[in-house]
């Protein structure tokens, strides 16, 4: 029963919109890391750490991780250097488990 509900939701929303969401949220995470790094260099107002983690938790883990490493931003802060990759790994595992449960079983 649960499987059918999930499939209906996915089919109603459409896989292309789900992929578009992940593309946008990861681009947003990447840009947020870029902007926060630039603002840090200039000593200006910064994007809150809470906002950076929220975008990561909402599916932007790939973008924030790439941005963190590419711009060398927040890499010395333990909560980011461990937190962002951990969130990304958990999200990937959840997606794999979900796809296995819905499509393979």
PDB file of N, CA and C in Angstrom:
ATOM      1  N   UNK A   1       0.822  -1.197   0.000  1.00  0.00           N
ATOM      2  CA  UNK A   1       0.000   0.000   0.000  1.00  0.00           C
ATOM      3  C   UNK A   1       0.869   1.265   0.000  1.00  0.00           C
ATOM      4  N   UNK A   2       1.882   1.276   0.875  1.00  0.00           N
ATOM      5  CA  UNK A   2       2.764   2.443   0.941  1.00  0.00           C
ATOM      6  C   UNK A   2       3.507   2.642  -0.370  1.00  0.00           C
ATOM      7  N   UNK A   3       3.904   1.528  -0.968  1.00  0.00           N
ATOM      8  CA  UNK A   3       4.631   1.582  -2.226  1.00  0.00           C
ATOM      9  C   UNK A   3       3.789   2.258  -3.305  1.00  0.00           C
ATOM     10  N   UNK A   4       2.517   1.903  -3.359  1.00  0.00           N
ATOM     11  CA  UNK A   4       1.624   2.488  -4.356  1.00  0.00           C
ATOM     12  C   UNK A   4       1.435   3.985  -4.128  1.00  0.00           C
ATOM     13  N   UNK A   5       1.368   4.378  -2.860  1.00  0.00           N
ATOM     14  CA  UNK A   5       1.217   5.814  -2.538  1.00  0.00           C
ATOM     15  C   UNK A   5       2.446   6.585  -3.006  1.00  0.00           C
ATOM     16  N   UNK A   6       3.639   6.062  -2.712  1.00  0.00           N
ATOM     17  CA  UNK A   6       4.867   6.730  -3.149  1.00  0.00           C
ATOM     18  C   UNK A   6       4.947   6.812  -4.667  1.00  0.00           C
ATOM     19  N   UNK A   7       4.597   5.734  -5.338  1.00  0.00           N
ATOM     20  CA  UNK A   7       4.631   5.739  -6.800  1.00  0.00           C
ATOM     21  C   UNK A   7       3.639   6.745  -7.371  1.00  0.00           C
ATOM     22  N   UNK A   8       2.470   6.860  -6.756  1.00  0.00           N
ATOM     23  CA  UNK A   8       1.492   7.861  -7.210  1.00  0.00           C
ATOM     24  C   UNK A   8       2.030   9.276  -7.034  1.00  0.00           C
ATOM     25  N   UNK A   9       2.647   9.506  -5.895  1.00  0.00           N
ATOM     26  CA  UNK A   9       3.210  10.845  -5.639  1.00  0.00           C
ATOM     27  C   UNK A   9       4.288  11.161  -6.667  1.00  0.00           C
ATOM     28  N   UNK A  10       5.193  10.219  -6.891  1.00  0.00           N
ATOM     29  CA  UNK A  10       6.277  10.434  -7.857  1.00  0.00           C
ATOM     30  C   UNK A  10       5.707  10.636  -9.253  1.00  0.00           C
ATOM     31  N   UNK A  11       4.739   9.813  -9.619  1.00  0.00           N
ATOM     32  CA  UNK A  11       4.138   9.944 -10.947  1.00  0.00           C
ATOM     33  C   UNK A  11       3.333  11.231 -11.086  1.00  0.00           C
ATOM     34  N   UNK A  12       2.710  11.682  -9.992  1.00  0.00           N
ATOM     35  CA  UNK A  12       1.955  12.935 -10.027  1.00  0.00           C
ATOM     36  C   UNK A  12       2.903  14.125 -10.186  1.00  0.00           C
ATOM     37  N   UNK A  13       3.939  14.132  -9.383  1.00  0.00           N
ATOM     38  CA  UNK A  13       4.918  15.224  -9.460  1.00  0.00           C
ATOM     39  C   UNK A  13       5.704  15.120 -10.756  1.00  0.00           C
ATOM     40  N   UNK A  14       6.099  13.929 -11.080  1.00  0.00           N
ATOM     41  CA  UNK A  14       6.887  13.703 -12.285  1.00  0.00           C
ATOM     42  C   UNK A  14       8.363  13.640 -11.960  1.00  0.00           C
ATOM     43  N   UNK A  15       9.019  12.571 -12.408  1.00  0.00           N
ATOM     44  CA  UNK A  15      10.453  12.414 -12.133  1.00  0.00           C
ATOM     45  C   UNK A  15      11.291  13.592 -12.626  1.00  0.00           C
ATOM     46  N   UNK A  16      10.889  14.208 -13.754  1.00  0.00           N
ATOM     47  CA  UNK A  16      11.697  15.323 -14.253  1.00  0.00           C
ATOM     48  C   UNK A  16      11.657  16.516 -13.309  1.00  0.00           C
ATOM     49  N   UNK A  17      10.531  16.714 -12.595  1.00  0.00           N
ATOM     50  CA  UNK A  17      10.456  17.817 -11.637  1.00  0.00           C
ATOM     51  C   UNK A  17      11.249  17.517 -10.372  1.00  0.00           C
ATOM     52  N   UNK A  18      11.298  16.247 -10.008  1.00  0.00           N
ATOM     53  CA  UNK A  18      12.107  15.863  -8.855  1.00  0.00           C
ATOM     54  C   UNK A  18      13.589  16.084  -9.176  1.00  0.00           C
ATOM     55  N   UNK A  19      14.004  15.687 -10.359  1.00  0.00           N
ATOM     56  CA  UNK A  19      15.392  15.930 -10.780  1.00  0.00           C
ATOM     57  C   UNK A  19      15.687  17.420 -10.887  1.00  0.00           C
ATOM     58  N   UNK A  20      14.732  18.186 -11.382  1.00  0.00           N
ATOM     59  CA  UNK A  20      14.898  19.635 -11.475  1.00  0.00           C
ATOM     60  C   UNK A  20      15.063  20.248 -10.088  1.00  0.00           C
ATOM     61  N   UNK A  21      14.283  19.760  -9.121  1.00  0.00           N
ATOM     62  CA  UNK A  21      14.411  20.240  -7.746  1.00  0.00           C
ATOM     63  C   UNK A  21      15.831  20.001  -7.236  1.00  0.00           C
ATOM     64  N   UNK A  22      16.335  18.767  -7.418  1.00  0.00           N
ATOM     65  CA  UNK A  22      17.683  18.458  -6.927  1.00  0.00           C
ATOM     66  C   UNK A  22      18.754  19.270  -7.646  1.00  0.00           C
ATOM     67  N   UNK A  23      18.561  19.524  -8.908  1.00  0.00           N
ATOM     68  CA  UNK A  23      19.500  20.367  -9.647  1.00  0.00           C
ATOM     69  C   UNK A  23      19.511  21.782  -9.068  1.00  0.00           C
ATOM     70  N   UNK A  24      18.334  22.341  -8.843  1.00  0.00           N
ATOM     71  CA  UNK A  24      18.225  23.714  -8.328  1.00  0.00           C
ATOM     72  C   UNK A  24      18.763  23.821  -6.902  1.00  0.00           C
ATOM     73  N   UNK A  25      18.405  22.878  -6.020  1.00  0.00           N
ATOM     74  CA  UNK A  25      18.842  22.966  -4.628  1.00  0.00           C
ATOM     75  C   UNK A  25      20.355  22.793  -4.516  1.00  0.00           C
ATOM     76  N   UNK A  26      20.945  21.982  -5.389  1.00  0.00           N
ATOM     77  CA  UNK A  26      22.403  21.820  -5.365  1.00  0.00           C
ATOM     78  C   UNK A  26      23.109  23.035  -5.949  1.00  0.00           C
ATOM     79  N   UNK A  27      22.545  23.626  -6.968  1.00  0.00           N
ATOM     80  CA  UNK A  27      23.094  24.867  -7.511  1.00  0.00           C
ATOM     81  C   UNK A  27      23.011  25.972  -6.459  1.00  0.00           C
ATOM     82  N   UNK A  28      21.898  26.034  -5.747  1.00  0.00           N
ATOM     83  CA  UNK A  28      21.737  27.017  -4.671  1.00  0.00           C
ATOM     84  C   UNK A  28      22.792  26.808  -3.584  1.00  0.00           C
ATOM     85  N   UNK A  29      23.008  25.562  -3.177  1.00  0.00           N
ATOM     86  CA  UNK A  29      24.029  25.265  -2.163  1.00  0.00           C
ATOM     87  C   UNK A  29      25.416  25.677  -2.615  1.00  0.00           C
ATOM     88  N   UNK A  30      25.732  25.383  -3.865  1.00  0.00           N
ATOM     89  CA  UNK A  30      27.026  25.759  -4.432  1.00  0.00           C
ATOM     90  C   UNK A  30      27.195  27.283  -4.426  1.00  0.00           C
ATOM     91  N   UNK A  31      26.164  27.995  -4.890  1.00  0.00           N
ATOM     92  CA  UNK A  31      26.232  29.458  -4.932  1.00  0.00           C
ATOM     93  C   UNK A  31      26.305  30.070  -3.538  1.00  0.00           C
ATOM     94  N   UNK A  32      25.606  29.472  -2.591  1.00  0.00           N
ATOM     95  CA  UNK A  32      25.665  29.985  -1.215  1.00  0.00           C
ATOM     96  C   UNK A  32      27.075  29.863  -0.649  1.00  0.00           C
ATOM     97  N   UNK A  33      27.746  28.760  -0.923  1.00  0.00           N
ATOM     98  CA  UNK A  33      29.123  28.598  -0.449  1.00  0.00           C
ATOM     99  C   UNK A  33      30.048  29.616  -1.120  1.00  0.00           C
ATOM    100  N   UNK A  34      29.832  29.844  -2.410  1.00  0.00           N
ATOM    101  CA  UNK A  34      30.622  30.832  -3.145  1.00  0.00           C
ATOM    102  C   UNK A  34      30.426  32.234  -2.565  1.00  0.00           C
ATOM    103  N   UNK A  35      29.149  32.616  -2.395  1.00  0.00           N
ATOM    104  CA  UNK A  35      28.850  33.957  -1.885  1.00  0.00           C
ATOM    105  C   UNK A  35      29.357  34.145  -0.464  1.00  0.00           C
ATOM    106  N   UNK A  36      29.207  33.126   0.376  1.00  0.00           N
ATOM    107  CA  UNK A  36      29.663  33.241   1.753  1.00  0.00           C
ATOM    108  C   UNK A  36      31.183  33.379   1.804  1.00  0.00           C
ATOM    109  N   UNK A  37      31.886  32.687   0.948  1.00  0.00           N
ATOM    110  CA  UNK A  37      33.346  32.806   0.894  1.00  0.00           C
ATOM    111  C   UNK A  37      33.754  34.221   0.468  1.00  0.00           C
ATOM    112  N   UNK A  38      33.097  34.730  -0.574  1.00  0.00           N
ATOM    113  CA  UNK A  38      33.415  36.088  -1.045  1.00  0.00           C
ATOM    114  C   UNK A  38      33.140  37.122   0.041  1.00  0.00           C
ATOM    115  N   UNK A  39      32.016  36.962   0.742  1.00  0.00           N
ATOM    116  CA  UNK A  39      31.669  37.902   1.803  1.00  0.00           C
ATOM    117  C   UNK A  39      32.634  37.785   2.982  1.00  0.00           C
ATOM    118  N   UNK A  40      33.113  36.583   3.252  1.00  0.00           N
ATOM    119  CA  UNK A  40      34.082  36.392   4.331  1.00  0.00           C
ATOM    120  C   UNK A  40      35.385  37.110   4.011  1.00  0.00           C
ATOM    121  N   UNK A  41      35.807  37.031   2.760  1.00  0.00           N
ATOM    122  CA  UNK A  41      37.045  37.690   2.343  1.00  0.00           C
ATOM    123  C   UNK A  41      36.919  39.199   2.493  1.00  0.00           C
ATOM    124  N   UNK A  42      35.742  39.735   2.142  1.00  0.00           N
ATOM    125  CA  UNK A  42      35.525  41.185   2.197  1.00  0.00           C
ATOM    126  C   UNK A  42      35.080  41.673   3.567  1.00  0.00           C
ATOM    127  N   UNK A  43      34.861  40.765   4.513  1.00  0.00           N
ATOM    128  CA  UNK A  43      34.436  41.144   5.853  1.00  0.00           C
ATOM    129  C   UNK A  43      33.014  41.664   5.901  1.00  0.00           C
ATOM    130  N   UNK A  44      32.175  41.208   5.005  1.00  0.00           N
ATOM    131  CA  UNK A  44      30.786  41.668   4.937  1.00  0.00           C
ATOM    132  C   UNK A  44      29.857  40.681   5.637  1.00  0.00           C
ATOM    133  N   UNK A  45      28.558  41.039   5.603  1.00  0.00           N
ATOM    134  CA  UNK A  45      27.510  40.197   6.165  1.00  0.00           C
ATOM    135  C   UNK A  45      27.610  38.803   5.581  1.00  0.00           C
ATOM    136  N   UNK A  46      27.401  37.790   6.418  1.00  0.00           N
ATOM    137  CA  UNK A  46      27.587  36.400   6.005  1.00  0.00           C
ATOM    138  C   UNK A  46      26.282  35.633   5.982  1.00  0.00           C
ATOM    139  N   UNK A  47      26.274  34.557   5.245  1.00  0.00           N
ATOM    140  CA  UNK A  47      25.150  33.631   5.227  1.00  0.00           C
ATOM    141  C   UNK A  47      25.264  32.783   6.491  1.00  0.00           C
ATOM    142  N   UNK A  48      24.159  32.609   7.197  1.00  0.00           N
ATOM    143  CA  UNK A  48      24.212  31.886   8.468  1.00  0.00           C
ATOM    144  C   UNK A  48      24.556  30.410   8.252  1.00  0.00           C
ATOM    145  N   UNK A  49      25.233  29.846   9.244  1.00  0.00           N
ATOM    146  CA  UNK A  49      25.577  28.431   9.179  1.00  0.00           C
ATOM    147  C   UNK A  49      24.307  27.587   9.152  1.00  0.00           C
ATOM    148  N   UNK A  50      23.285  28.045   9.849  1.00  0.00           N
ATOM    149  CA  UNK A  50      22.004  27.345   9.871  1.00  0.00           C
ATOM    150  C   UNK A  50      21.421  27.247   8.461  1.00  0.00           C
ATOM    151  N   UNK A  51      21.524  28.323   7.686  1.00  0.00           N
ATOM    152  CA  UNK A  51      21.012  28.317   6.310  1.00  0.00           C
ATOM    153  C   UNK A  51      21.799  27.361   5.429  1.00  0.00           C
ATOM    154  N   UNK A  52      23.117  27.328   5.608  1.00  0.00           N
ATOM    155  CA  UNK A  52      23.949  26.419   4.825  1.00  0.00           C
ATOM    156  C   UNK A  52      23.600  24.960   5.123  1.00  0.00           C
ATOM    157  N   UNK A  53      23.392  24.663   6.402  1.00  0.00           N
ATOM    158  CA  UNK A  53      23.012  23.297   6.763  1.00  0.00           C
ATOM    159  C   UNK A  53      21.602  22.961   6.281  1.00  0.00           C
ATOM    160  N   UNK A  54      20.700  23.931   6.307  1.00  0.00           N
ATOM    161  CA  UNK A  54      19.333  23.684   5.862  1.00  0.00           C
ATOM    162  C   UNK A  54      19.292  23.307   4.378  1.00  0.00           C
ATOM    163  N   UNK A  55      20.041  24.033   3.562  1.00  0.00           N
ATOM    164  CA  UNK A  55      20.097  23.717   2.125  1.00  0.00           C
ATOM    165  C   UNK A  55      20.704  22.328   1.926  1.00  0.00           C
ATOM    166  N   UNK A  56      21.705  21.985   2.708  1.00  0.00           N
ATOM    167  CA  UNK A  56      22.317  20.662   2.616  1.00  0.00           C
ATOM    168  C   UNK A  56      21.311  19.580   2.995  1.00  0.00           C
ATOM    169  N   UNK A  57      20.572  19.798   4.074  1.00  0.00           N
ATOM    170  CA  UNK A  57      19.572  18.833   4.521  1.00  0.00           C
ATOM    171  C   UNK A  57      18.415  18.681   3.548  1.00  0.00           C
ATOM    172  N   UNK A  58      18.111  19.721   2.801  1.00  0.00           N
ATOM    173  CA  UNK A  58      17.001  19.672   1.847  1.00  0.00           C
ATOM    174  C   UNK A  58      17.399  19.045   0.506  1.00  0.00           C
ATOM    175  N   UNK A  59      18.600  18.483   0.442  1.00  0.00           N
ATOM    176  CA  UNK A  59      19.018  17.783  -0.765  1.00  0.00           C
ATOM    177  C   UNK A  59      20.154  18.447  -1.515  1.00  0.00           C
ATOM    178  N   UNK A  60      20.709  19.521  -0.964  1.00  0.00           N
ATOM    179  CA  UNK A  60      21.775  20.241  -1.656  1.00  0.00           C
ATOM    180  C   UNK A  60      23.167  19.820  -1.247  1.00  0.00           C
ATOM    181  N   UNK A  61      23.316  18.600  -0.760  1.00  0.00           N
ATOM    182  CA  UNK A  61      24.601  18.120  -0.260  1.00  0.00           C
ATOM    183  C   UNK A  61      25.710  18.074  -1.293  1.00  0.00           C
ATOM    184  N   UNK A  62      25.369  17.728  -2.518  1.00  0.00           N
ATOM    185  CA  UNK A  62      26.396  17.678  -3.563  1.00  0.00           C
ATOM    186  C   UNK A  62      26.935  19.078  -3.821  1.00  0.00           C
ATOM    187  N   UNK A  63      26.047  20.045  -3.968  1.00  0.00           N
ATOM    188  CA  UNK A  63      26.455  21.423  -4.248  1.00  0.00           C
ATOM    189  C   UNK A  63      27.246  22.057  -3.123  1.00  0.00           C
ATOM    190  N   UNK A  64      26.797  21.859  -1.876  1.00  0.00           N
ATOM    191  CA  UNK A  64      27.513  22.465  -0.754  1.00  0.00           C
ATOM    192  C   UNK A  64      28.868  21.800  -0.535  1.00  0.00           C
ATOM    193  N   UNK A  65      28.936  20.493  -0.739  1.00  0.00           N
ATOM    194  CA  UNK A  65      30.227  19.801  -0.583  1.00  0.00           C
ATOM    195  C   UNK A  65      31.216  20.219  -1.656  1.00  0.00           C
ATOM    196  N   UNK A  66      30.750  20.302  -2.898  1.00  0.00           N
ATOM    197  CA  UNK A  66      31.640  20.752  -3.976  1.00  0.00           C
ATOM    198  C   UNK A  66      32.081  22.189  -3.713  1.00  0.00           C
ATOM    199  N   UNK A  67      31.142  23.056  -3.330  1.00  0.00           N
ATOM    200  CA  UNK A  67      31.478  24.450  -3.040  1.00  0.00           C
ATOM    201  C   UNK A  67      32.455  24.580  -1.885  1.00  0.00           C
ATOM    202  N   UNK A  68      32.234  23.797  -0.829  1.00  0.00           N
ATOM    203  CA  UNK A  68      33.121  23.846   0.332  1.00  0.00           C
ATOM    204  C   UNK A  68      34.548  23.494  -0.070  1.00  0.00           C
ATOM    205  N   UNK A  69      34.704  22.449  -0.856  1.00  0.00           N
ATOM    206  CA  UNK A  69      36.052  22.005  -1.236  1.00  0.00           C
ATOM    207  C   UNK A  69      36.665  22.868  -2.334  1.00  0.00           C
ATOM    208  N   UNK A  70      35.874  23.275  -3.311  1.00  0.00           N
ATOM    209  CA  UNK A  70      36.396  24.083  -4.413  1.00  0.00           C
ATOM    210  C   UNK A  70      36.847  25.460  -3.934  1.00  0.00           C
ATOM    211  N   UNK A  71      36.052  26.084  -3.067  1.00  0.00           N
ATOM    212  CA  UNK A  71      36.372  27.426  -2.587  1.00  0.00           C
ATOM    213  C   UNK A  71      37.171  27.399  -1.280  1.00  0.00           C
ATOM    214  N   UNK A  72      37.460  26.197  -0.788  1.00  0.00           N
ATOM    215  CA  UNK A  72      38.167  26.023   0.491  1.00  0.00           C
ATOM    216  C   UNK A  72      37.512  26.862   1.575  1.00  0.00           C
ATOM    217  N   UNK A  73      36.218  26.676   1.676  1.00  0.00           N
ATOM    218  CA  UNK A  73      35.430  27.470   2.617  1.00  0.00           C
ATOM    219  C   UNK A  73      34.837  26.572   3.688  1.00  0.00           C
ATOM    220  N   UNK A  74      35.103  26.894   4.929  1.00  0.00           N
ATOM    221  CA  UNK A  74      34.614  26.176   6.097  1.00  0.00           C
ATOM    222  C   UNK A  74      35.209  24.771   6.212  1.00  0.00           C
ATOM    223  N   UNK A  75      36.303  24.527   5.534  1.00  0.00           N
ATOM    224  CA  UNK A  75      36.915  23.196   5.577  1.00  0.00           C
ATOM    225  C   UNK A  75      37.639  22.937   6.903  1.00  0.00           C
ATOM    226  N   UNK A  76      37.953  23.978   7.636  1.00  0.00           N
ATOM    227  CA  UNK A  76      38.636  23.801   8.918  1.00  0.00           C
ATOM    228  C   UNK A  76      37.651  23.676  10.075  1.00  0.00           C
ATOM    229  N   UNK A  77      36.385  23.936   9.819  1.00  0.00           N
ATOM    230  CA  UNK A  77      35.360  23.796  10.850  1.00  0.00           C
ATOM    231  C   UNK A  77      34.877  22.354  10.844  1.00  0.00           C
ATOM    232  N   UNK A  78      35.066  21.686  11.972  1.00  0.00           N
ATOM    233  CA  UNK A  78      34.747  20.269  12.079  1.00  0.00           C
ATOM    234  C   UNK A  78      33.285  19.979  11.730  1.00  0.00           C
ATOM    235  N   UNK A  79      32.369  20.839  12.185  1.00  0.00           N
ATOM    236  CA  UNK A  79      30.958  20.548  11.925  1.00  0.00           C
ATOM    237  C   UNK A  79      30.635  20.586  10.438  1.00  0.00           C
ATOM    238  N   UNK A  80      31.395  21.330   9.654  1.00  0.00           N
ATOM    239  CA  UNK A  80      31.177  21.370   8.205  1.00  0.00           C
ATOM    240  C   UNK A  80      31.951  20.264   7.499  1.00  0.00           C
ATOM    241  N   UNK A  81      33.221  20.094   7.853  1.00  0.00           N
ATOM    242  CA  UNK A  81      34.050  19.106   7.162  1.00  0.00           C
ATOM    243  C   UNK A  81      33.578  17.679   7.421  1.00  0.00           C
ATOM    244  N   UNK A  82      32.893  17.460   8.528  1.00  0.00           N
ATOM    245  CA  UNK A  82      32.315  16.145   8.809  1.00  0.00           C
ATOM    246  C   UNK A  82      30.812  16.143   8.536  1.00  0.00           C
ATOM    247  N   UNK A  83      30.145  17.231   8.908  1.00  0.00           N
ATOM    248  CA  UNK A  83      28.685  17.302   8.791  1.00  0.00           C
ATOM    249  C   UNK A  83      28.161  17.247   7.374  1.00  0.00           C
ATOM    250  N   UNK A  84      28.718  18.059   6.483  1.00  0.00           N
ATOM    251  CA  UNK A  84      28.235  18.089   5.097  1.00  0.00           C
ATOM    252  C   UNK A  84      28.404  16.733   4.408  1.00  0.00           C
ATOM    253  N   UNK A  85      29.594  16.125   4.454  1.00  0.00           N
ATOM    254  CA  UNK A  85      29.731  14.813   3.805  1.00  0.00           C
ATOM    255  C   UNK A  85      28.839  13.735   4.439  1.00  0.00           C
ATOM    256  N   UNK A  86      28.669  13.791   5.758  1.00  0.00           N
ATOM    257  CA  UNK A  86      27.814  12.818   6.439  1.00  0.00           C
ATOM    258  C   UNK A  86      26.372  12.948   5.972  1.00  0.00           C
ATOM    259  N   UNK A  87      25.880  14.171   5.892  1.00  0.00           N
ATOM    260  CA  UNK A  87      24.509  14.407   5.413  1.00  0.00           C
ATOM    261  C   UNK A  87      24.370  13.896   3.987  1.00  0.00           C
ATOM    262  N   UNK A  88      25.348  14.172   3.146  1.00  0.00           N
ATOM    263  CA  UNK A  88      25.295  13.724   1.756  1.00  0.00           C
ATOM    264  C   UNK A  88      25.262  12.196   1.671  1.00  0.00           C
ATOM    265  N   UNK A  89      26.094  11.532   2.437  1.00  0.00           N
ATOM    266  CA  UNK A  89      26.125  10.069   2.422  1.00  0.00           C
ATOM    267  C   UNK A  89      24.785   9.497   2.893  1.00  0.00           C
ATOM    268  N   UNK A  90      24.243  10.059   3.953  1.00  0.00           N
ATOM    269  CA  UNK A  90      22.941   9.590   4.456  1.00  0.00           C
ATOM    270  C   UNK A  90      21.857   9.799   3.406  1.00  0.00           C
ATOM    271  N   UNK A  91      21.860  10.963   2.747  1.00  0.00           N
ATOM    272  CA  UNK A  91      20.859  11.226   1.711  1.00  0.00           C
ATOM    273  C   UNK A  91      20.991  10.243   0.548  1.00  0.00           C
ATOM    274  N   UNK A  92      22.211   9.962   0.131  1.00  0.00           N
ATOM    275  CA  UNK A  92      22.424   9.001  -0.962  1.00  0.00           C
ATOM    276  C   UNK A  92      21.925   7.617  -0.554  1.00  0.00           C
ATOM    277  N   UNK A  93      22.239   7.200   0.672  1.00  0.00           N
ATOM    278  CA  UNK A  93      21.779   5.892   1.147  1.00  0.00           C
ATOM    279  C   UNK A  93      20.251   5.832   1.222  1.00  0.00           C
ATOM    280  N   UNK A  94      19.620   6.912   1.668  1.00  0.00           N
ATOM    281  CA  UNK A  94      18.152   6.944   1.729  1.00  0.00           C
ATOM    282  C   UNK A  94      17.532   6.852   0.333  1.00  0.00           C
ATOM    283  N   UNK A  95      18.129   7.534  -0.625  1.00  0.00           N
ATOM    284  CA  UNK A  95      17.621   7.486  -2.003  1.00  0.00           C
ATOM    285  C   UNK A  95      17.771   6.074  -2.564  1.00  0.00           C
ATOM    286  N   UNK A  96      18.918   5.447  -2.310  1.00  0.00           N
ATOM    287  CA  UNK A  96      19.141   4.074  -2.781  1.00  0.00           C
ATOM    288  C   UNK A  96      18.130   3.132  -2.132  1.00  0.00           C
ATOM    289  N   UNK A  97      17.937   3.254  -0.826  1.00  0.00           N
ATOM    290  CA  UNK A  97      16.973   2.401  -0.128  1.00  0.00           C
ATOM    291  C   UNK A  97      15.558   2.624  -0.646  1.00  0.00           C
ATOM    292  N   UNK A  98      15.204   3.879  -0.869  1.00  0.00           N
ATOM    293  CA  UNK A  98      13.878   4.202  -1.374  1.00  0.00           C
ATOM    294  C   UNK A  98      13.676   3.604  -2.760  1.00  0.00           C
ATOM    295  N   UNK A  99      14.640   3.809  -3.638  1.00  0.00           N
ATOM    296  CA  UNK A  99      14.526   3.272  -5.007  1.00  0.00           C
ATOM    297  C   UNK A  99      14.480   1.754  -5.000  1.00  0.00           C
ATOM    298  N   UNK A 100      15.272   1.121  -4.158  1.00  0.00           N
ATOM    299  CA  UNK A 100      15.252  -0.323  -4.071  1.00  0.00           C
ATOM    300  C   UNK A 100      13.881  -0.802  -3.601  1.00  0.00           C
ATOM    301  N   UNK A 101      13.373  -0.177  -2.550  1.00  0.00           N
ATOM    302  CA  UNK A 101      12.101  -0.598  -1.985  1.00  0.00           C
ATOM    303  C   UNK A 101      10.943  -0.368  -2.945  1.00  0.00           C
ATOM    304  N   UNK A 102      10.942   0.767  -3.637  1.00  0.00           N
ATOM    305  CA  UNK A 102       9.820   1.103  -4.501  1.00  0.00           C
ATOM    306  C   UNK A 102       9.903   0.409  -5.853  1.00  0.00           C
ATOM    307  N   UNK A 103      11.070   0.371  -6.455  1.00  0.00           N
ATOM    308  CA  UNK A 103      11.176  -0.107  -7.833  1.00  0.00           C
ATOM    309  C   UNK A 103      11.614  -1.562  -7.989  1.00  0.00           C
ATOM    310  N   UNK A 104      12.367  -2.078  -7.028  1.00  0.00           N
ATOM    311  CA  UNK A 104      12.904  -3.418  -7.198  1.00  0.00           C
ATOM    312  C   UNK A 104      12.054  -4.462  -6.468  1.00  0.00           C
ATOM    313  N   UNK A 105      11.618  -4.154  -5.274  1.00  0.00           N
ATOM    314  CA  UNK A 105      10.818  -5.125  -4.503  1.00  0.00           C
ATOM    315  C   UNK A 105       9.496  -5.368  -5.136  1.00  0.00           C
TER     316      UNK A 105
END
